[in-house]
Amino acid sequence: MSDSVETLEPRRSVTRREFTLEAALAILAGCVISISETGCGGDSSTPAPSPVGVVTDVPGVVSANHGHAVTITAAQITAGGAITLDIQGQATHDHQVSLSQANMGTLNNRQPVTVTSTTDASHSHSVTFTPA
């Protein structure tokens, strides 16, 4: 048997506030906290698209084309407001296409949009914008 005597350090009392704080931290250490848009009225069935890369100018593909041309600029897409564009290009007559704010949001999310031009010279065109 050993004759050595160990000296114990005096214990310090913990205050009620310190105890409560330590207990709360111990409980939270085992929890995962997540924040969801669902609780704030978001629609959980359709996740928000995640755009990749930089928005670029998007040329329109004109159906039954005979010289028409149109391009939506990256700045117009990023701005997001409704726009109307002329598609005359090298044709002898002009048409316009109108894109709504929703159309511009779709393009910004890298999804194609098709719109119909105004009628001139007894015809109209479908114009499709497909972002890269």
N, C-alpha and C. Protein backbone atom coordinates (compact mmCIF):
# COMPACT_ATOMS: atom_id res chain seq x y z
N MET A 1 0.82 -1.16 0.00
CA MET A 1 0.00 0.00 0.00
C MET A 1 0.88 1.23 0.00
N SER A 2 0.46 2.24 -0.67
CA SER A 2 1.27 3.44 -0.78
C SER A 2 0.92 4.41 0.34
N ASP A 3 1.96 5.06 0.82
CA ASP A 3 1.73 6.04 1.88
C ASP A 3 1.59 7.46 1.32
N SER A 4 1.59 7.61 -0.02
CA SER A 4 1.53 8.95 -0.58
C SER A 4 0.11 9.50 -0.49
N VAL A 5 0.04 10.74 -0.31
CA VAL A 5 -1.25 11.41 -0.23
C VAL A 5 -1.33 12.42 -1.37
N GLU A 6 -2.38 12.33 -2.15
CA GLU A 6 -2.55 13.28 -3.25
C GLU A 6 -3.43 14.43 -2.78
N THR A 7 -3.01 15.60 -3.19
CA THR A 7 -3.77 16.77 -2.83
C THR A 7 -4.79 17.04 -3.93
N LEU A 8 -6.01 17.16 -3.55
CA LEU A 8 -7.07 17.47 -4.52
C LEU A 8 -7.24 18.97 -4.62
N GLU A 9 -7.39 19.42 -5.84
CA GLU A 9 -7.61 20.85 -6.05
C GLU A 9 -9.03 21.17 -5.65
N PRO A 10 -9.24 22.32 -5.09
CA PRO A 10 -10.60 22.68 -4.70
C PRO A 10 -11.49 22.85 -5.95
N ARG A 11 -12.70 22.38 -5.86
CA ARG A 11 -13.64 22.48 -6.98
C ARG A 11 -14.30 23.84 -6.97
N ARG A 12 -14.52 24.31 -8.18
CA ARG A 12 -15.20 25.58 -8.33
C ARG A 12 -16.67 25.28 -8.62
N SER A 13 -17.57 26.00 -8.02
CA SER A 13 -18.99 25.80 -8.25
C SER A 13 -19.38 26.40 -9.59
N VAL A 14 -20.33 25.76 -10.25
CA VAL A 14 -20.84 26.24 -11.53
C VAL A 14 -22.13 27.00 -11.25
N THR A 15 -22.24 28.14 -11.88
CA THR A 15 -23.47 28.92 -11.68
C THR A 15 -24.60 28.28 -12.48
N ARG A 16 -25.81 28.63 -12.13
CA ARG A 16 -26.98 28.11 -12.84
C ARG A 16 -26.91 28.50 -14.33
N ARG A 17 -26.48 29.72 -14.61
CA ARG A 17 -26.39 30.19 -16.00
C ARG A 17 -25.36 29.38 -16.78
N GLU A 18 -24.18 29.14 -16.20
CA GLU A 18 -23.14 28.35 -16.86
C GLU A 18 -23.63 26.92 -17.11
N PHE A 19 -24.31 26.34 -16.11
CA PHE A 19 -24.84 24.99 -16.26
C PHE A 19 -25.85 24.92 -17.40
N THR A 20 -26.76 25.89 -17.45
CA THR A 20 -27.80 25.92 -18.50
C THR A 20 -27.17 26.07 -19.88
N LEU A 21 -26.18 26.94 -19.99
CA LEU A 21 -25.49 27.15 -21.26
C LEU A 21 -24.78 25.87 -21.70
N GLU A 22 -24.04 25.24 -20.82
CA GLU A 22 -23.33 24.01 -21.16
C GLU A 22 -24.31 22.89 -21.53
N ALA A 23 -25.42 22.79 -20.82
CA ALA A 23 -26.43 21.77 -21.13
C ALA A 23 -27.03 22.00 -22.51
N ALA A 24 -27.36 23.26 -22.83
CA ALA A 24 -27.93 23.58 -24.14
C ALA A 24 -26.94 23.28 -25.25
N LEU A 25 -25.68 23.62 -25.06
CA LEU A 25 -24.66 23.34 -26.07
C LEU A 25 -24.47 21.84 -26.26
N ALA A 26 -24.54 21.07 -25.18
CA ALA A 26 -24.41 19.62 -25.28
C ALA A 26 -25.57 19.02 -26.07
N ILE A 27 -26.78 19.53 -25.84
CA ILE A 27 -27.96 19.05 -26.57
C ILE A 27 -27.84 19.40 -28.05
N LEU A 28 -27.46 20.65 -28.34
CA LEU A 28 -27.36 21.10 -29.73
C LEU A 28 -26.22 20.44 -30.49
N ALA A 29 -25.23 19.95 -29.77
CA ALA A 29 -24.10 19.29 -30.45
C ALA A 29 -24.56 18.07 -31.23
N GLY A 30 -25.65 17.46 -30.83
CA GLY A 30 -26.15 16.28 -31.52
C GLY A 30 -27.26 16.57 -32.51
N CYS A 31 -27.59 17.83 -32.73
CA CYS A 31 -28.69 18.20 -33.61
C CYS A 31 -28.18 18.72 -34.95
N VAL A 32 -28.95 18.47 -35.98
CA VAL A 32 -28.70 19.07 -37.28
C VAL A 32 -29.81 20.08 -37.51
N ILE A 33 -29.44 21.32 -37.75
CA ILE A 33 -30.42 22.36 -37.98
C ILE A 33 -30.43 22.67 -39.46
N SER A 34 -31.61 22.59 -40.07
CA SER A 34 -31.70 22.93 -41.49
C SER A 34 -32.81 23.95 -41.68
N ILE A 35 -32.61 24.80 -42.67
CA ILE A 35 -33.59 25.82 -42.99
C ILE A 35 -34.11 25.52 -44.37
N SER A 36 -35.40 25.48 -44.50
CA SER A 36 -36.04 25.12 -45.76
C SER A 36 -36.93 26.24 -46.23
N GLU A 37 -37.05 26.37 -47.54
CA GLU A 37 -37.93 27.38 -48.12
C GLU A 37 -39.40 26.99 -47.94
N THR A 38 -39.67 25.72 -47.70
CA THR A 38 -41.03 25.23 -47.59
C THR A 38 -41.79 25.94 -46.48
N GLY A 39 -41.14 26.18 -45.36
CA GLY A 39 -41.81 26.83 -44.25
C GLY A 39 -42.14 28.29 -44.53
N CYS A 40 -41.54 28.85 -45.55
CA CYS A 40 -41.76 30.25 -45.87
C CYS A 40 -42.65 30.42 -47.08
N GLY A 41 -43.37 29.39 -47.46
CA GLY A 41 -44.29 29.49 -48.57
C GLY A 41 -43.69 29.12 -49.91
N GLY A 42 -42.49 28.56 -49.92
CA GLY A 42 -41.87 28.14 -51.18
C GLY A 42 -42.52 26.88 -51.70
N ASP A 43 -42.27 26.54 -52.93
CA ASP A 43 -42.83 25.35 -53.55
C ASP A 43 -41.76 24.27 -53.55
N SER A 44 -41.90 23.27 -52.70
CA SER A 44 -40.87 22.24 -52.58
C SER A 44 -40.92 21.23 -53.71
N SER A 45 -41.98 21.22 -54.53
CA SER A 45 -42.09 20.23 -55.58
C SER A 45 -41.26 20.57 -56.81
N THR A 46 -40.91 21.82 -56.99
CA THR A 46 -40.09 22.20 -58.13
C THR A 46 -38.87 22.96 -57.64
N PRO A 47 -37.71 22.28 -57.65
CA PRO A 47 -36.52 22.96 -57.15
C PRO A 47 -36.13 24.11 -58.07
N ALA A 48 -35.55 25.12 -57.48
CA ALA A 48 -35.10 26.27 -58.28
C ALA A 48 -33.95 25.84 -59.18
N PRO A 49 -34.00 26.24 -60.45
CA PRO A 49 -32.91 25.88 -61.33
C PRO A 49 -31.62 26.56 -60.91
N SER A 50 -30.53 25.87 -61.15
CA SER A 50 -29.24 26.46 -60.80
C SER A 50 -28.48 26.77 -62.07
N PRO A 51 -28.46 28.03 -62.47
CA PRO A 51 -27.77 28.40 -63.68
C PRO A 51 -26.28 28.09 -63.60
N VAL A 52 -25.73 27.64 -64.70
CA VAL A 52 -24.32 27.31 -64.77
C VAL A 52 -23.67 28.23 -65.80
N GLY A 53 -22.54 28.78 -65.47
CA GLY A 53 -21.82 29.60 -66.42
C GLY A 53 -22.36 31.01 -66.52
N VAL A 54 -21.86 31.71 -67.49
CA VAL A 54 -22.20 33.11 -67.70
C VAL A 54 -23.26 33.22 -68.79
N VAL A 55 -24.21 34.11 -68.59
CA VAL A 55 -25.23 34.36 -69.60
C VAL A 55 -24.55 34.97 -70.82
N THR A 56 -24.91 34.48 -72.01
CA THR A 56 -24.34 35.00 -73.25
C THR A 56 -25.46 35.45 -74.18
N ASP A 57 -25.11 36.15 -75.24
CA ASP A 57 -26.09 36.54 -76.26
C ASP A 57 -26.70 35.27 -76.85
N VAL A 58 -28.01 35.34 -77.18
CA VAL A 58 -28.70 34.16 -77.72
C VAL A 58 -29.32 34.53 -79.07
N PRO A 59 -28.82 33.94 -80.16
CA PRO A 59 -29.43 34.20 -81.47
C PRO A 59 -30.74 33.45 -81.59
N GLY A 60 -31.70 34.05 -82.30
CA GLY A 60 -32.98 33.40 -82.53
C GLY A 60 -32.93 32.60 -83.82
N VAL A 61 -33.60 31.45 -83.82
CA VAL A 61 -33.74 30.64 -85.03
C VAL A 61 -35.15 30.92 -85.57
N VAL A 62 -35.21 31.47 -86.77
CA VAL A 62 -36.47 31.93 -87.36
C VAL A 62 -37.00 30.85 -88.31
N SER A 63 -38.25 30.42 -88.08
CA SER A 63 -38.85 29.42 -88.97
C SER A 63 -39.16 30.02 -90.33
N ALA A 64 -39.16 29.18 -91.36
CA ALA A 64 -39.47 29.62 -92.74
C ALA A 64 -38.72 30.92 -93.06
N ASN A 65 -37.44 30.91 -92.73
CA ASN A 65 -36.66 32.15 -92.80
C ASN A 65 -36.30 32.53 -94.24
N HIS A 66 -36.37 33.81 -94.51
CA HIS A 66 -35.95 34.36 -95.79
C HIS A 66 -35.19 35.66 -95.55
N GLY A 67 -34.21 35.59 -94.63
CA GLY A 67 -33.35 36.74 -94.38
C GLY A 67 -33.51 37.39 -93.02
N HIS A 68 -34.45 36.96 -92.21
CA HIS A 68 -34.65 37.56 -90.89
C HIS A 68 -33.54 37.13 -89.93
N ALA A 69 -33.24 37.99 -88.97
CA ALA A 69 -32.23 37.69 -87.96
C ALA A 69 -32.55 38.46 -86.69
N VAL A 70 -32.25 37.84 -85.55
CA VAL A 70 -32.48 38.49 -84.26
C VAL A 70 -31.58 37.83 -83.21
N THR A 71 -31.11 38.64 -82.27
CA THR A 71 -30.30 38.15 -81.16
C THR A 71 -30.72 38.89 -79.90
N ILE A 72 -30.89 38.15 -78.82
CA ILE A 72 -31.14 38.76 -77.51
C ILE A 72 -29.78 38.85 -76.83
N THR A 73 -29.43 40.02 -76.34
CA THR A 73 -28.14 40.20 -75.70
C THR A 73 -28.15 39.66 -74.27
N ALA A 74 -26.98 39.34 -73.78
CA ALA A 74 -26.83 38.87 -72.41
C ALA A 74 -27.34 39.92 -71.43
N ALA A 75 -27.11 41.19 -71.74
CA ALA A 75 -27.57 42.28 -70.86
C ALA A 75 -29.09 42.30 -70.78
N GLN A 76 -29.77 42.08 -71.90
CA GLN A 76 -31.24 42.05 -71.90
C GLN A 76 -31.75 40.87 -71.08
N ILE A 77 -31.10 39.73 -71.21
CA ILE A 77 -31.52 38.54 -70.44
C ILE A 77 -31.31 38.78 -68.96
N THR A 78 -30.16 39.30 -68.60
CA THR A 78 -29.84 39.54 -67.19
C THR A 78 -30.78 40.57 -66.58
N ALA A 79 -31.13 41.62 -67.35
CA ALA A 79 -32.04 42.65 -66.84
C ALA A 79 -33.40 42.05 -66.52
N GLY A 80 -33.85 41.10 -67.35
CA GLY A 80 -35.06 40.35 -67.05
C GLY A 80 -36.38 40.98 -67.40
N GLY A 81 -36.39 42.20 -67.90
CA GLY A 81 -37.65 42.86 -68.24
C GLY A 81 -38.18 42.42 -69.59
N ALA A 82 -39.48 42.64 -69.82
CA ALA A 82 -40.10 42.32 -71.12
C ALA A 82 -39.46 43.19 -72.20
N ILE A 83 -39.30 42.61 -73.40
CA ILE A 83 -38.70 43.34 -74.51
C ILE A 83 -39.43 43.02 -75.81
N THR A 84 -39.27 43.91 -76.80
CA THR A 84 -39.75 43.68 -78.16
C THR A 84 -38.57 43.92 -79.09
N LEU A 85 -38.32 42.99 -80.01
CA LEU A 85 -37.18 43.06 -80.92
C LEU A 85 -37.64 43.03 -82.37
N ASP A 86 -36.94 43.76 -83.22
CA ASP A 86 -37.16 43.67 -84.67
C ASP A 86 -36.37 42.48 -85.20
N ILE A 87 -36.93 41.78 -86.19
CA ILE A 87 -36.22 40.63 -86.75
C ILE A 87 -35.97 40.81 -88.25
N GLN A 88 -35.97 42.03 -88.75
CA GLN A 88 -35.85 42.24 -90.19
C GLN A 88 -34.60 41.60 -90.78
N GLY A 89 -33.45 41.83 -90.19
CA GLY A 89 -32.22 41.27 -90.76
C GLY A 89 -32.04 41.73 -92.19
N GLN A 90 -31.84 40.79 -93.15
CA GLN A 90 -31.66 41.09 -94.57
C GLN A 90 -32.96 40.97 -95.36
N ALA A 91 -34.08 40.72 -94.69
CA ALA A 91 -35.37 40.58 -95.37
C ALA A 91 -35.86 41.95 -95.85
N THR A 92 -36.79 41.93 -96.79
CA THR A 92 -37.32 43.19 -97.34
C THR A 92 -38.45 43.76 -96.50
N HIS A 93 -38.86 43.08 -95.46
CA HIS A 93 -39.92 43.55 -94.57
C HIS A 93 -39.55 43.20 -93.14
N ASP A 94 -40.25 43.80 -92.20
CA ASP A 94 -39.89 43.62 -90.79
C ASP A 94 -40.99 42.88 -90.04
N HIS A 95 -40.61 42.21 -88.98
CA HIS A 95 -41.52 41.63 -87.99
C HIS A 95 -40.95 41.98 -86.63
N GLN A 96 -41.76 41.89 -85.61
CA GLN A 96 -41.29 42.05 -84.23
C GLN A 96 -41.65 40.79 -83.45
N VAL A 97 -40.83 40.51 -82.45
CA VAL A 97 -41.16 39.47 -81.48
C VAL A 97 -41.13 40.10 -80.10
N SER A 98 -42.08 39.72 -79.28
CA SER A 98 -42.15 40.23 -77.92
C SER A 98 -41.88 39.08 -76.95
N LEU A 99 -41.02 39.34 -75.99
CA LEU A 99 -40.71 38.37 -74.95
C LEU A 99 -41.11 38.96 -73.61
N SER A 100 -41.87 38.20 -72.85
CA SER A 100 -42.36 38.66 -71.54
C SER A 100 -41.25 38.55 -70.49
N GLN A 101 -41.52 39.10 -69.34
CA GLN A 101 -40.59 38.98 -68.22
C GLN A 101 -40.40 37.50 -67.87
N ALA A 102 -41.46 36.71 -67.94
CA ALA A 102 -41.36 35.27 -67.67
C ALA A 102 -40.47 34.59 -68.71
N ASN A 103 -40.62 34.98 -69.99
CA ASN A 103 -39.75 34.43 -71.04
C ASN A 103 -38.28 34.72 -70.73
N MET A 104 -38.01 35.94 -70.29
CA MET A 104 -36.63 36.33 -70.00
C MET A 104 -36.07 35.54 -68.82
N GLY A 105 -36.91 35.27 -67.83
CA GLY A 105 -36.49 34.43 -66.70
C GLY A 105 -36.18 33.02 -67.16
N THR A 106 -36.98 32.50 -68.08
CA THR A 106 -36.74 31.17 -68.63
C THR A 106 -35.40 31.13 -69.35
N LEU A 107 -35.12 32.15 -70.16
CA LEU A 107 -33.83 32.21 -70.86
C LEU A 107 -32.68 32.33 -69.87
N ASN A 108 -32.86 33.11 -68.82
CA ASN A 108 -31.82 33.27 -67.80
C ASN A 108 -31.54 31.94 -67.09
N ASN A 109 -32.54 31.06 -67.04
CA ASN A 109 -32.38 29.73 -66.44
C ASN A 109 -31.94 28.69 -67.45
N ARG A 110 -31.48 29.16 -68.60
CA ARG A 110 -30.91 28.33 -69.67
C ARG A 110 -31.92 27.36 -70.29
N GLN A 111 -33.15 27.82 -70.43
CA GLN A 111 -34.20 27.02 -71.06
C GLN A 111 -34.64 27.71 -72.34
N PRO A 112 -35.01 26.95 -73.38
CA PRO A 112 -35.43 27.56 -74.65
C PRO A 112 -36.80 28.23 -74.56
N VAL A 113 -36.98 29.23 -75.40
CA VAL A 113 -38.25 29.95 -75.50
C VAL A 113 -38.59 30.11 -76.97
N THR A 114 -39.86 29.85 -77.33
CA THR A 114 -40.34 30.06 -78.70
C THR A 114 -41.48 31.07 -78.66
N VAL A 115 -41.39 32.08 -79.52
CA VAL A 115 -42.43 33.10 -79.63
C VAL A 115 -42.80 33.26 -81.10
N THR A 116 -43.99 33.83 -81.34
CA THR A 116 -44.45 34.07 -82.71
C THR A 116 -44.33 35.56 -83.01
N SER A 117 -43.82 35.86 -84.20
CA SER A 117 -43.64 37.25 -84.60
C SER A 117 -44.97 37.88 -84.98
N THR A 118 -44.92 39.20 -85.15
CA THR A 118 -46.07 39.91 -85.71
C THR A 118 -46.23 39.48 -87.17
N THR A 119 -47.40 39.76 -87.73
CA THR A 119 -47.67 39.43 -89.14
C THR A 119 -47.35 40.63 -90.02
N ASP A 120 -46.60 40.35 -91.10
CA ASP A 120 -46.30 41.37 -92.10
C ASP A 120 -46.15 40.62 -93.42
N ALA A 121 -46.49 41.24 -94.51
CA ALA A 121 -46.45 40.61 -95.84
C ALA A 121 -47.24 39.29 -95.81
N SER A 122 -48.34 39.29 -95.08
CA SER A 122 -49.27 38.16 -95.00
C SER A 122 -48.70 36.89 -94.37
N HIS A 123 -47.71 37.03 -93.49
CA HIS A 123 -47.19 35.85 -92.79
C HIS A 123 -46.50 36.27 -91.48
N SER A 124 -46.25 35.26 -90.66
CA SER A 124 -45.51 35.46 -89.42
C SER A 124 -44.48 34.32 -89.29
N HIS A 125 -43.65 34.40 -88.29
CA HIS A 125 -42.60 33.40 -88.07
C HIS A 125 -42.58 32.97 -86.60
N SER A 126 -42.21 31.73 -86.36
CA SER A 126 -41.87 31.29 -85.01
C SER A 126 -40.38 31.54 -84.83
N VAL A 127 -40.03 32.09 -83.68
CA VAL A 127 -38.61 32.35 -83.41
C VAL A 127 -38.27 31.63 -82.10
N THR A 128 -37.24 30.78 -82.15
CA THR A 128 -36.83 30.02 -80.98
C THR A 128 -35.46 30.50 -80.52
N PHE A 129 -35.38 30.82 -79.22
CA PHE A 129 -34.13 31.23 -78.59
C PHE A 129 -33.70 30.10 -77.67
N THR A 130 -32.52 29.54 -77.91
CA THR A 130 -32.01 28.42 -77.11
C THR A 130 -30.67 28.82 -76.50
N PRO A 131 -30.66 29.12 -75.21
CA PRO A 131 -29.39 29.50 -74.56
C PRO A 131 -28.39 28.35 -74.55
N ALA A 132 -27.12 28.71 -74.58
CA ALA A 132 -26.06 27.69 -74.55
C ALA A 132 -25.88 27.16 -73.15
